Amino acid sequence: MKTAIETDNTALLDQAISMTPKEDLDQFYSRVCREAIRGSSTTILKSLIDRGRSVKHLEPTDVAYRGNPPSIATLEFLLAHGWDINWRGYGPPFMWFMTNNADLIVWCLEHGASVLPSNQSWDRHGVEQVPRHCDAILENAASNGNLEVFKILRAKGAPMGQRVLHKAVEMAAFGYDKHDTPGKDTEKQQSDRVKQAKYLEFVRYLLDEVKLDVDAPDQEPLSTKGMSSAWGTPLSYVPGIGRPDLDSRELTWLLLDRGAEPAPALVVAKEMNQTLFLADVAAWKELNPDGPKKAQSGDRSCSVQ
């Protein structure tokens, strides 16, 4: 099958089909379809469609495959043969997996993708399935730290969602090794610094331009924290990630500068023995005995030492 897809050889596909027991054909066709999409083999896909295989309701994860979709030509081929780009299946729609790529987001929107997930039930082996909860797509954009994508989707009416700021803070909290020395970083350490700077920019934008509440709760009252990343306020996500080895002082001070109430986050930090976070908050309080100052420039990074 792999060779058939790599070489667009329908004769090899016919041979593989002839060797597959009839009762296993449906599963075999599904596997070939997934692999043909990943390999951008429209020839093999066309052969499956000619045999009656529908591409209307494809699992979004099969098309997106770990955030690496097939070629645009293959996506357009699927659309031309009935693919529903908004189909959810078990999880979110296809576009939700593309929030790290502005060009693909634009393409999706131009080809009928909706910024709102559908909630239609669907049939699987004769049993009606109810779609699982789907985060707002702007939360996915925040998790990927792609500000361009966020702006594009927001301009198209995408709803904010309850945890946009929390998601951006959570990712920014994965800072870098606190023992790093600038100028002596490894390649990975340099990459980590660049990533954190990107997420910090996102957090600043959400606070200063979108004007999100710096102390907004992430879920309804009485929600369970931890497994569902429900730590409470955005600042609580800094110690909540459970990585005391990472330097997130700039992020912590940024949130405190914008008026974040530290008490809930301090509870989390003490529960998880996050001594670095506790020290960062203490240092900020020492510099700001009267509480947060109104940010003048939207940036207090110069105060981080």
C-alpha atoms as a PDB file:
ATOM      1  CA  MET A   1       0.000   0.000   0.000  1.00  0.00           C
ATOM      2  CA  LYS A   2       2.793   2.418   0.889  1.00  0.00           C
ATOM      3  CA  THR A   3       4.445   1.905  -2.494  1.00  0.00           C
ATOM      4  CA  ALA A   4       1.118   2.346  -4.280  1.00  0.00           C
ATOM      5  CA  ILE A   5       0.614   5.721  -2.603  1.00  0.00           C
ATOM      6  CA  GLU A   6       4.200   6.903  -3.067  1.00  0.00           C
ATOM      7  CA  THR A   7       4.113   6.041  -6.777  1.00  0.00           C
ATOM      8  CA  ASP A   8       0.422   6.773  -7.497  1.00  0.00           C
ATOM      9  CA  ASN A   9       0.171   3.215  -8.750  1.00  0.00           C
ATOM     10  CA  THR A  10      -3.463   2.139  -8.897  1.00  0.00           C
ATOM     11  CA  ALA A  11      -2.470  -1.306 -10.161  1.00  0.00           C
ATOM     12  CA  LEU A  12      -0.689  -1.971  -6.870  1.00  0.00           C
ATOM     13  CA  LEU A  13      -3.757  -0.714  -5.030  1.00  0.00           C
ATOM     14  CA  ASP A  14      -5.961  -3.111  -7.027  1.00  0.00           C
ATOM     15  CA  GLN A  15      -3.615  -5.925  -6.098  1.00  0.00           C
ATOM     16  CA  ALA A  16      -3.755  -5.043  -2.401  1.00  0.00           C
ATOM     17  CA  ILE A  17      -7.543  -4.846  -2.519  1.00  0.00           C
ATOM     18  CA  SER A  18      -7.796  -8.261  -4.180  1.00  0.00           C
ATOM     19  CA  MET A  19      -5.730  -9.762  -1.365  1.00  0.00           C
ATOM     20  CA  THR A  20      -7.873  -8.226   1.405  1.00  0.00           C
ATOM     21  CA  PRO A  21     -10.733 -10.294   2.857  1.00  0.00           C
ATOM     22  CA  LYS A  22     -14.140  -8.825   2.085  1.00  0.00           C
ATOM     23  CA  GLU A  23     -14.973  -8.342   5.751  1.00  0.00           C
ATOM     24  CA  ASP A  24     -11.813  -6.244   6.191  1.00  0.00           C
ATOM     25  CA  LEU A  25     -12.261  -4.033   3.154  1.00  0.00           C
ATOM     26  CA  ASP A  26     -13.984  -1.155   4.931  1.00  0.00           C
ATOM     27  CA  GLN A  27     -11.147  -0.836   7.442  1.00  0.00           C
ATOM     28  CA  PHE A  28      -8.603  -1.246   4.654  1.00  0.00           C
ATOM     29  CA  TYR A  29     -10.183   1.535   2.591  1.00  0.00           C
ATOM     30  CA  SER A  30     -10.149   3.818   5.625  1.00  0.00           C
ATOM     31  CA  ARG A  31      -6.448   3.203   6.167  1.00  0.00           C
ATOM     32  CA  VAL A  32      -5.612   3.729   2.500  1.00  0.00           C
ATOM     33  CA  CYS A  33      -7.632   6.964   2.504  1.00  0.00           C
ATOM     34  CA  ARG A  34      -5.751   8.296   5.548  1.00  0.00           C
ATOM     35  CA  GLU A  35      -2.369   7.420   4.077  1.00  0.00           C
ATOM     36  CA  ALA A  36      -3.266   8.795   0.657  1.00  0.00           C
ATOM     37  CA  ILE A  37      -4.279  12.109   2.228  1.00  0.00           C
ATOM     38  CA  ARG A  38      -1.025  12.289   4.176  1.00  0.00           C
ATOM     39  CA  GLY A  39       0.896  11.457   1.027  1.00  0.00           C
ATOM     40  CA  SER A  40      -1.109  13.935  -1.072  1.00  0.00           C
ATOM     41  CA  SER A  41      -1.901  11.149  -3.534  1.00  0.00           C
ATOM     42  CA  THR A  42      -5.001  12.365  -5.349  1.00  0.00           C
ATOM     43  CA  THR A  43      -4.649   9.502  -7.833  1.00  0.00           C
ATOM     44  CA  ILE A  44      -5.178   6.907  -5.092  1.00  0.00           C
ATOM     45  CA  LEU A  45      -7.920   9.023  -3.520  1.00  0.00           C
ATOM     46  CA  LYS A  46      -9.698   9.235  -6.873  1.00  0.00           C
ATOM     47  CA  SER A  47      -9.493   5.451  -7.208  1.00  0.00           C
ATOM     48  CA  LEU A  48     -11.099   5.027  -3.768  1.00  0.00           C
ATOM     49  CA  ILE A  49     -13.841   7.533  -4.611  1.00  0.00           C
ATOM     50  CA  ASP A  50     -14.524   5.701  -7.875  1.00  0.00           C
ATOM     51  CA  ARG A  51     -15.013   2.549  -5.789  1.00  0.00           C
ATOM     52  CA  GLY A  52     -17.708   4.343  -3.784  1.00  0.00           C
ATOM     53  CA  ARG A  53     -15.624   5.586  -0.870  1.00  0.00           C
ATOM     54  CA  SER A  54     -17.017   8.883   0.480  1.00  0.00           C
ATOM     55  CA  VAL A  55     -14.704  11.658   1.638  1.00  0.00           C
ATOM     56  CA  LYS A  56     -17.496  13.840   3.022  1.00  0.00           C
ATOM     57  CA  HIS A  57     -17.002  13.000   6.702  1.00  0.00           C
ATOM     58  CA  LEU A  58     -13.277  12.613   7.216  1.00  0.00           C
ATOM     59  CA  GLU A  59     -11.874  12.713  10.724  1.00  0.00           C
ATOM     60  CA  PRO A  60     -10.225  16.165  10.985  1.00  0.00           C
ATOM     61  CA  THR A  61      -7.183  14.577  12.616  1.00  0.00           C
ATOM     62  CA  ASP A  62      -6.738  12.366   9.561  1.00  0.00           C
ATOM     63  CA  VAL A  63      -6.628  15.400   7.290  1.00  0.00           C
ATOM     64  CA  ALA A  64      -4.649  17.643   9.648  1.00  0.00           C
ATOM     65  CA  TYR A  65      -2.334  14.826  10.836  1.00  0.00           C
ATOM     66  CA  ARG A  66      -0.390  16.325  13.733  1.00  0.00           C
ATOM     67  CA  GLY A  67      -0.701  19.830  12.359  1.00  0.00           C
ATOM     68  CA  ASN A  68       0.852  18.831   9.031  1.00  0.00           C
ATOM     69  CA  PRO A  69      -1.926  18.819   6.430  1.00  0.00           C
ATOM     70  CA  PRO A  70      -1.504  17.591   2.852  1.00  0.00           C
ATOM     71  CA  SER A  71      -0.906  19.924  -0.046  1.00  0.00           C
ATOM     72  CA  ILE A  72      -3.407  22.650  -0.910  1.00  0.00           C
ATOM     73  CA  ALA A  73      -4.062  20.766  -4.150  1.00  0.00           C
ATOM     74  CA  THR A  74      -5.107  17.716  -2.121  1.00  0.00           C
ATOM     75  CA  LEU A  75      -7.343  19.780   0.150  1.00  0.00           C
ATOM     76  CA  GLU A  76      -8.989  21.343  -2.903  1.00  0.00           C
ATOM     77  CA  PHE A  77      -9.407  17.877  -4.431  1.00  0.00           C
ATOM     78  CA  LEU A  78     -11.177  16.689  -1.271  1.00  0.00           C
ATOM     79  CA  LEU A  79     -13.469  19.732  -1.294  1.00  0.00           C
ATOM     80  CA  ALA A  80     -14.296  19.143  -4.969  1.00  0.00           C
ATOM     81  CA  HIS A  81     -15.335  15.594  -4.082  1.00  0.00           C
ATOM     82  CA  GLY A  82     -17.621  16.520  -1.214  1.00  0.00           C
ATOM     83  CA  TRP A  83     -15.400  16.908   1.855  1.00  0.00           C
ATOM     84  CA  ASP A  84     -17.149  18.850   4.630  1.00  0.00           C
ATOM     85  CA  ILE A  85     -14.416  21.120   5.971  1.00  0.00           C
ATOM     86  CA  ASN A  86     -16.530  21.863   9.060  1.00  0.00           C
ATOM     87  CA  TRP A  87     -17.102  18.220   9.997  1.00  0.00           C
ATOM     88  CA  ARG A  88     -16.095  17.543  13.587  1.00  0.00           C
ATOM     89  CA  GLY A  89     -16.249  13.844  14.242  1.00  0.00           C
ATOM     90  CA  TYR A  90     -14.923  13.232  17.749  1.00  0.00           C
ATOM     91  CA  GLY A  91     -13.103  16.515  18.218  1.00  0.00           C
ATOM     92  CA  PRO A  92     -12.776  20.000  16.733  1.00  0.00           C
ATOM     93  CA  PRO A  93     -13.025  20.789  13.010  1.00  0.00           C
ATOM     94  CA  PHE A  94     -10.071  20.795  10.641  1.00  0.00           C
ATOM     95  CA  MET A  95      -9.383  24.544  10.901  1.00  0.00           C
ATOM     96  CA  TRP A  96      -8.806  24.240  14.664  1.00  0.00           C
ATOM     97  CA  PHE A  97      -5.650  22.252  13.898  1.00  0.00           C
ATOM     98  CA  MET A  98      -4.298  24.946  11.570  1.00  0.00           C
ATOM     99  CA  THR A  99      -3.992  27.823  14.047  1.00  0.00           C
ATOM    100  CA  ASN A 100      -0.208  27.805  13.778  1.00  0.00           C
ATOM    101  CA  ASN A 101      -0.399  28.743  10.088  1.00  0.00           C
ATOM    102  CA  ALA A 102      -1.945  32.045   8.986  1.00  0.00           C
ATOM    103  CA  ASP A 103      -1.907  31.145   5.299  1.00  0.00           C
ATOM    104  CA  LEU A 104      -3.881  27.953   5.912  1.00  0.00           C
ATOM    105  CA  ILE A 105      -6.341  29.779   8.153  1.00  0.00           C
ATOM    106  CA  VAL A 106      -7.018  32.257   5.354  1.00  0.00           C
ATOM    107  CA  TRP A 107      -7.388  29.382   2.904  1.00  0.00           C
ATOM    108  CA  CYS A 108      -9.864  27.611   5.200  1.00  0.00           C
ATOM    109  CA  LEU A 109     -11.954  30.751   5.649  1.00  0.00           C
ATOM    110  CA  GLU A 110     -11.989  31.348   1.890  1.00  0.00           C
ATOM    111  CA  HIS A 111     -13.203  27.788   1.353  1.00  0.00           C
ATOM    112  CA  GLY A 112     -16.154  27.750   3.705  1.00  0.00           C
ATOM    113  CA  ALA A 113     -14.680  27.016   7.119  1.00  0.00           C
ATOM    114  CA  SER A 114     -16.717  28.386  10.020  1.00  0.00           C
ATOM    115  CA  VAL A 115     -15.256  30.004  13.134  1.00  0.00           C
ATOM    116  CA  LEU A 116     -18.033  28.310  15.124  1.00  0.00           C
ATOM    117  CA  PRO A 117     -17.890  24.524  15.673  1.00  0.00           C
ATOM    118  CA  SER A 118     -20.987  22.643  14.626  1.00  0.00           C
ATOM    119  CA  ASN A 119     -22.773  20.632  17.292  1.00  0.00           C
ATOM    120  CA  GLN A 120     -24.563  18.158  15.050  1.00  0.00           C
ATOM    121  CA  SER A 121     -24.778  14.588  16.231  1.00  0.00           C
ATOM    122  CA  TRP A 122     -23.462  11.932  13.903  1.00  0.00           C
ATOM    123  CA  ASP A 123     -23.788   8.232  13.280  1.00  0.00           C
ATOM    124  CA  ARG A 124     -21.015   5.738  13.929  1.00  0.00           C
ATOM    125  CA  HIS A 125     -21.773   2.075  13.325  1.00  0.00           C
ATOM    126  CA  GLY A 126     -25.458   2.733  13.841  1.00  0.00           C
ATOM    127  CA  VAL A 127     -24.998   4.554  17.146  1.00  0.00           C
ATOM    128  CA  GLU A 128     -25.697   8.272  17.429  1.00  0.00           C
ATOM    129  CA  GLN A 129     -22.657  10.159  18.689  1.00  0.00           C
ATOM    130  CA  VAL A 130     -22.727  13.518  20.455  1.00  0.00           C
ATOM    131  CA  PRO A 131     -19.759  15.816  19.735  1.00  0.00           C
ATOM    132  CA  ARG A 132     -17.413  16.416  22.625  1.00  0.00           C
ATOM    133  CA  HIS A 133     -16.773  19.870  24.034  1.00  0.00           C
ATOM    134  CA  CYS A 134     -14.855  22.030  21.595  1.00  0.00           C
ATOM    135  CA  ASP A 135     -12.753  24.971  22.781  1.00  0.00           C
ATOM    136  CA  ALA A 136     -13.232  28.282  21.018  1.00  0.00           C
ATOM    137  CA  ILE A 137     -10.814  28.497  18.090  1.00  0.00           C
ATOM    138  CA  LEU A 138      -9.253  31.653  19.554  1.00  0.00           C
ATOM    139  CA  GLU A 139      -8.130  29.528  22.498  1.00  0.00           C
ATOM    140  CA  ASN A 140      -6.289  27.292  20.037  1.00  0.00           C
ATOM    141  CA  ALA A 141      -4.696  30.357  18.474  1.00  0.00           C
ATOM    142  CA  ALA A 142      -3.581  31.486  21.934  1.00  0.00           C
ATOM    143  CA  SER A 143      -2.079  28.069  22.659  1.00  0.00           C
ATOM    144  CA  ASN A 144      -0.065  28.311  19.439  1.00  0.00           C
ATOM    145  CA  GLY A 145       0.982  31.875  20.172  1.00  0.00           C
ATOM    146  CA  ASN A 146       0.113  32.988  16.665  1.00  0.00           C
ATOM    147  CA  LEU A 147      -1.014  36.582  16.988  1.00  0.00           C
ATOM    148  CA  GLU A 148      -1.578  36.976  13.236  1.00  0.00           C
ATOM    149  CA  VAL A 149      -3.977  34.025  13.243  1.00  0.00           C
ATOM    150  CA  PHE A 150      -5.731  35.387  16.315  1.00  0.00           C
ATOM    151  CA  LYS A 151      -6.332  38.743  14.605  1.00  0.00           C
ATOM    152  CA  ILE A 152      -7.570  37.100  11.394  1.00  0.00           C
ATOM    153  CA  LEU A 153     -10.047  34.876  13.215  1.00  0.00           C
ATOM    154  CA  ARG A 154     -11.241  37.629  15.533  1.00  0.00           C
ATOM    155  CA  ALA A 155     -11.897  39.870  12.521  1.00  0.00           C
ATOM    156  CA  LYS A 156     -14.083  37.079  11.135  1.00  0.00           C
ATOM    157  CA  GLY A 157     -16.212  37.036  14.281  1.00  0.00           C
ATOM    158  CA  ALA A 158     -14.638  34.160  16.186  1.00  0.00           C
ATOM    159  CA  PRO A 159     -15.888  34.193  19.813  1.00  0.00           C
ATOM    160  CA  MET A 160     -13.335  34.969  22.483  1.00  0.00           C
ATOM    161  CA  GLY A 161     -13.806  31.924  24.689  1.00  0.00           C
ATOM    162  CA  GLN A 162     -13.247  31.833  28.431  1.00  0.00           C
ATOM    163  CA  ARG A 163      -9.583  30.839  28.486  1.00  0.00           C
ATOM    164  CA  VAL A 164      -7.858  32.807  25.732  1.00  0.00           C
ATOM    165  CA  LEU A 165      -5.656  34.757  28.159  1.00  0.00           C
ATOM    166  CA  HIS A 166      -5.129  31.681  30.317  1.00  0.00           C
ATOM    167  CA  LYS A 167      -3.910  29.645  27.340  1.00  0.00           C
ATOM    168  CA  ALA A 168      -1.467  32.356  26.270  1.00  0.00           C
ATOM    169  CA  VAL A 169      -0.153  32.700  29.839  1.00  0.00           C
ATOM    170  CA  GLU A 170       0.154  28.934  30.199  1.00  0.00           C
ATOM    171  CA  MET A 171       2.369  28.698  27.123  1.00  0.00           C
ATOM    172  CA  ALA A 172       4.407  31.771  28.074  1.00  0.00           C
ATOM    173  CA  ALA A 173       5.011  30.162  31.477  1.00  0.00           C
ATOM    174  CA  PHE A 174       7.079  27.495  29.742  1.00  0.00           C
ATOM    175  CA  GLY A 175       9.979  29.912  29.831  1.00  0.00           C
ATOM    176  CA  TYR A 176      13.570  28.773  29.800  1.00  0.00           C
ATOM    177  CA  ASP A 177      16.074  27.237  32.187  1.00  0.00           C
ATOM    178  CA  LYS A 178      16.685  29.769  34.939  1.00  0.00           C
ATOM    179  CA  HIS A 179      20.382  28.891  34.882  1.00  0.00           C
ATOM    180  CA  ASP A 180      20.786  29.985  31.260  1.00  0.00           C
ATOM    181  CA  THR A 181      23.369  32.645  30.528  1.00  0.00           C
ATOM    182  CA  PRO A 182      22.592  34.956  27.574  1.00  0.00           C
ATOM    183  CA  GLY A 183      25.178  34.553  24.843  1.00  0.00           C
ATOM    184  CA  LYS A 184      25.992  30.993  25.893  1.00  0.00           C
ATOM    185  CA  ASP A 185      22.686  29.352  25.051  1.00  0.00           C
ATOM    186  CA  THR A 186      22.383  26.058  23.256  1.00  0.00           C
ATOM    187  CA  GLU A 187      20.280  26.015  20.102  1.00  0.00           C
ATOM    188  CA  LYS A 188      17.304  24.698  22.080  1.00  0.00           C
ATOM    189  CA  GLN A 189      17.700  27.383  24.742  1.00  0.00           C
ATOM    190  CA  GLN A 190      17.769  30.069  22.059  1.00  0.00           C
ATOM    191  CA  SER A 191      14.620  28.583  20.570  1.00  0.00           C
ATOM    192  CA  ASP A 192      12.939  28.549  23.989  1.00  0.00           C
ATOM    193  CA  ARG A 193      13.724  32.239  24.493  1.00  0.00           C
ATOM    194  CA  VAL A 194      12.259  33.110  21.094  1.00  0.00           C
ATOM    195  CA  LYS A 195       9.106  31.119  21.857  1.00  0.00           C
ATOM    196  CA  GLN A 196       8.639  32.775  25.220  1.00  0.00           C
ATOM    197  CA  ALA A 197       9.082  36.223  23.668  1.00  0.00           C
ATOM    198  CA  LYS A 198       6.359  35.366  21.149  1.00  0.00           C
ATOM    199  CA  TYR A 199       3.937  34.304  23.873  1.00  0.00           C
ATOM    200  CA  LEU A 200       4.774  37.334  26.012  1.00  0.00           C
ATOM    201  CA  GLU A 201       3.910  39.546  23.048  1.00  0.00           C
ATOM    202  CA  PHE A 202       0.605  37.699  22.772  1.00  0.00           C
ATOM    203  CA  VAL A 203      -0.158  38.176  26.478  1.00  0.00           C
ATOM    204  CA  ARG A 204       0.628  41.903  26.268  1.00  0.00           C
ATOM    205  CA  TYR A 205      -1.658  42.252  23.259  1.00  0.00           C
ATOM    206  CA  LEU A 206      -4.542  40.509  25.044  1.00  0.00           C
ATOM    207  CA  LEU A 207      -4.133  42.720  28.099  1.00  0.00           C
ATOM    208  CA  ASP A 208      -3.362  46.059  26.476  1.00  0.00           C
ATOM    209  CA  GLU A 209      -5.237  45.927  23.179  1.00  0.00           C
ATOM    210  CA  VAL A 210      -8.085  43.437  23.679  1.00  0.00           C
ATOM    211  CA  LYS A 211      -8.442  44.535  27.312  1.00  0.00           C
ATOM    212  CA  LEU A 212      -9.089  41.099  28.731  1.00  0.00           C
ATOM    213  CA  ASP A 213      -9.596  40.838  32.480  1.00  0.00           C
ATOM    214  CA  VAL A 214      -6.254  39.980  34.079  1.00  0.00           C
ATOM    215  CA  ASP A 215      -8.075  38.155  36.891  1.00  0.00           C
ATOM    216  CA  ALA A 216     -10.758  36.408  34.853  1.00  0.00           C
ATOM    217  CA  PRO A 217     -11.703  32.896  36.078  1.00  0.00           C
ATOM    218  CA  ASP A 218     -11.017  30.093  33.642  1.00  0.00           C
ATOM    219  CA  GLN A 219     -14.091  27.995  34.386  1.00  0.00           C
ATOM    220  CA  GLU A 220     -17.367  28.087  36.190  1.00  0.00           C
ATOM    221  CA  PRO A 221     -17.342  27.926  40.015  1.00  0.00           C
ATOM    222  CA  LEU A 222     -16.614  24.514  41.593  1.00  0.00           C
ATOM    223  CA  SER A 223     -14.724  23.226  38.527  1.00  0.00           C
ATOM    224  CA  THR A 224     -11.922  20.766  39.297  1.00  0.00           C
ATOM    225  CA  LYS A 225      -8.471  22.241  38.811  1.00  0.00           C
ATOM    226  CA  GLY A 226      -5.418  20.517  37.442  1.00  0.00           C
ATOM    227  CA  MET A 227      -6.275  17.824  34.901  1.00  0.00           C
ATOM    228  CA  SER A 228      -8.396  20.165  32.797  1.00  0.00           C
ATOM    229  CA  SER A 229      -5.906  23.014  33.291  1.00  0.00           C
ATOM    230  CA  ALA A 230      -8.436  24.834  35.451  1.00  0.00           C
ATOM    231  CA  TRP A 231      -6.076  26.672  37.754  1.00  0.00           C
ATOM    232  CA  GLY A 232      -8.239  29.752  38.215  1.00  0.00           C
ATOM    233  CA  THR A 233      -6.824  33.147  37.295  1.00  0.00           C
ATOM    234  CA  PRO A 234      -4.268  33.616  34.506  1.00  0.00           C
ATOM    235  CA  LEU A 235      -1.464  34.268  37.007  1.00  0.00           C
ATOM    236  CA  SER A 236      -2.216  30.927  38.687  1.00  0.00           C
ATOM    237  CA  TYR A 237      -1.182  29.173  35.479  1.00  0.00           C
ATOM    238  CA  VAL A 238       2.430  30.241  35.991  1.00  0.00           C
ATOM    239  CA  PRO A 239       3.013  28.009  39.041  1.00  0.00           C
ATOM    240  CA  GLY A 240       0.259  25.665  37.845  1.00  0.00           C
ATOM    241  CA  ILE A 241       2.347  24.222  35.010  1.00  0.00           C
ATOM    242  CA  GLY A 242       4.501  22.540  37.649  1.00  0.00           C
ATOM    243  CA  ARG A 243       7.907  23.508  36.264  1.00  0.00           C
ATOM    244  CA  PRO A 244       9.962  25.157  39.012  1.00  0.00           C
ATOM    245  CA  ASP A 245      13.064  24.913  36.797  1.00  0.00           C
ATOM    246  CA  LEU A 246      11.786  27.501  34.317  1.00  0.00           C
ATOM    247  CA  ASP A 247      12.275  31.254  34.499  1.00  0.00           C
ATOM    248  CA  SER A 248       8.939  33.058  34.104  1.00  0.00           C
ATOM    249  CA  ARG A 249       9.722  36.206  36.063  1.00  0.00           C
ATOM    250  CA  GLU A 250       9.041  38.551  33.155  1.00  0.00           C
ATOM    251  CA  LEU A 251       5.606  36.994  32.659  1.00  0.00           C
ATOM    252  CA  THR A 252       4.821  37.051  36.380  1.00  0.00           C
ATOM    253  CA  TRP A 253       5.812  40.688  36.700  1.00  0.00           C
ATOM    254  CA  LEU A 254       3.890  41.616  33.549  1.00  0.00           C
ATOM    255  CA  LEU A 255       0.663  40.219  35.008  1.00  0.00           C
ATOM    256  CA  LEU A 256       1.299  41.826  38.384  1.00  0.00           C
ATOM    257  CA  ASP A 257       2.023  45.161  36.689  1.00  0.00           C
ATOM    258  CA  ARG A 258      -1.347  44.924  34.982  1.00  0.00           C
ATOM    259  CA  GLY A 259      -3.090  44.470  38.314  1.00  0.00           C
ATOM    260  CA  ALA A 260      -3.281  40.702  38.774  1.00  0.00           C
ATOM    261  CA  GLU A 261      -4.270  39.658  42.288  1.00  0.00           C
ATOM    262  CA  PRO A 262      -1.454  37.360  43.479  1.00  0.00           C
ATOM    263  CA  ALA A 263      -3.294  35.600  46.336  1.00  0.00           C
ATOM    264  CA  PRO A 264      -4.902  32.727  44.296  1.00  0.00           C
ATOM    265  CA  ALA A 265      -1.629  32.048  42.475  1.00  0.00           C
ATOM    266  CA  LEU A 266       0.311  32.039  45.731  1.00  0.00           C
ATOM    267  CA  VAL A 267      -1.975  29.297  47.031  1.00  0.00           C
ATOM    268  CA  VAL A 268      -1.192  27.188  43.959  1.00  0.00           C
ATOM    269  CA  ALA A 269       2.525  27.939  44.257  1.00  0.00           C
ATOM    270  CA  LYS A 270       2.653  26.879  47.903  1.00  0.00           C
ATOM    271  CA  GLU A 271       0.706  23.687  47.177  1.00  0.00           C
ATOM    272  CA  MET A 272       3.191  22.789  44.437  1.00  0.00           C
ATOM    273  CA  ASN A 273       6.295  24.106  46.195  1.00  0.00           C
ATOM    274  CA  GLN A 274       7.031  26.579  43.418  1.00  0.00           C
ATOM    275  CA  THR A 275       9.705  28.511  45.272  1.00  0.00           C
ATOM    276  CA  LEU A 276      10.903  30.439  42.207  1.00  0.00           C
ATOM    277  CA  PHE A 277       7.430  31.852  41.587  1.00  0.00           C
ATOM    278  CA  LEU A 278       7.067  32.775  45.260  1.00  0.00           C
ATOM    279  CA  ALA A 279      10.411  34.576  45.101  1.00  0.00           C
ATOM    280  CA  ASP A 280       9.404  36.431  41.929  1.00  0.00           C
ATOM    281  CA  VAL A 281       6.196  37.680  43.531  1.00  0.00           C
ATOM    282  CA  ALA A 282       8.054  38.706  46.689  1.00  0.00           C
ATOM    283  CA  ALA A 283      10.626  40.599  44.627  1.00  0.00           C
ATOM    284  CA  TRP A 284       7.895  42.397  42.710  1.00  0.00           C
ATOM    285  CA  LYS A 285       6.127  43.384  45.939  1.00  0.00           C
ATOM    286  CA  GLU A 286       9.392  44.762  47.316  1.00  0.00           C
ATOM    287  CA  LEU A 287       9.756  46.975  44.246  1.00  0.00           C
ATOM    288  CA  ASN A 288       6.082  47.924  44.281  1.00  0.00           C
ATOM    289  CA  PRO A 289       5.042  48.345  47.932  1.00  0.00           C
ATOM    290  CA  ASP A 290       2.013  50.400  46.884  1.00  0.00           C
ATOM    291  CA  GLY A 291       0.769  47.839  44.387  1.00  0.00           C
ATOM    292  CA  PRO A 292       0.738  47.855  40.583  1.00  0.00           C
ATOM    293  CA  LYS A 293       1.347  51.015  38.644  1.00  0.00           C
ATOM    294  CA  LYS A 294      -0.661  51.745  35.566  1.00  0.00           C
ATOM    295  CA  ALA A 295       1.387  50.618  32.587  1.00  0.00           C
ATOM    296  CA  GLN A 296       2.406  53.588  30.490  1.00  0.00           C
ATOM    297  CA  SER A 297       4.003  51.833  27.549  1.00  0.00           C
ATOM    298  CA  GLY A 298       2.387  48.421  27.855  1.00  0.00           C
ATOM    299  CA  ASP A 299       5.777  46.893  28.695  1.00  0.00           C
ATOM    300  CA  ARG A 300       7.630  46.499  31.975  1.00  0.00           C
ATOM    301  CA  SER A 301      10.223  44.057  30.663  1.00  0.00           C
ATOM    302  CA  CYS A 302      12.982  46.525  31.530  1.00  0.00           C
ATOM    303  CA  SER A 303      12.202  45.974  35.208  1.00  0.00           C
ATOM    304  CA  VAL A 304      12.942  42.244  35.035  1.00  0.00           C
ATOM    305  CA  GLN A 305      16.304  41.334  36.425  1.00  0.00           C
END
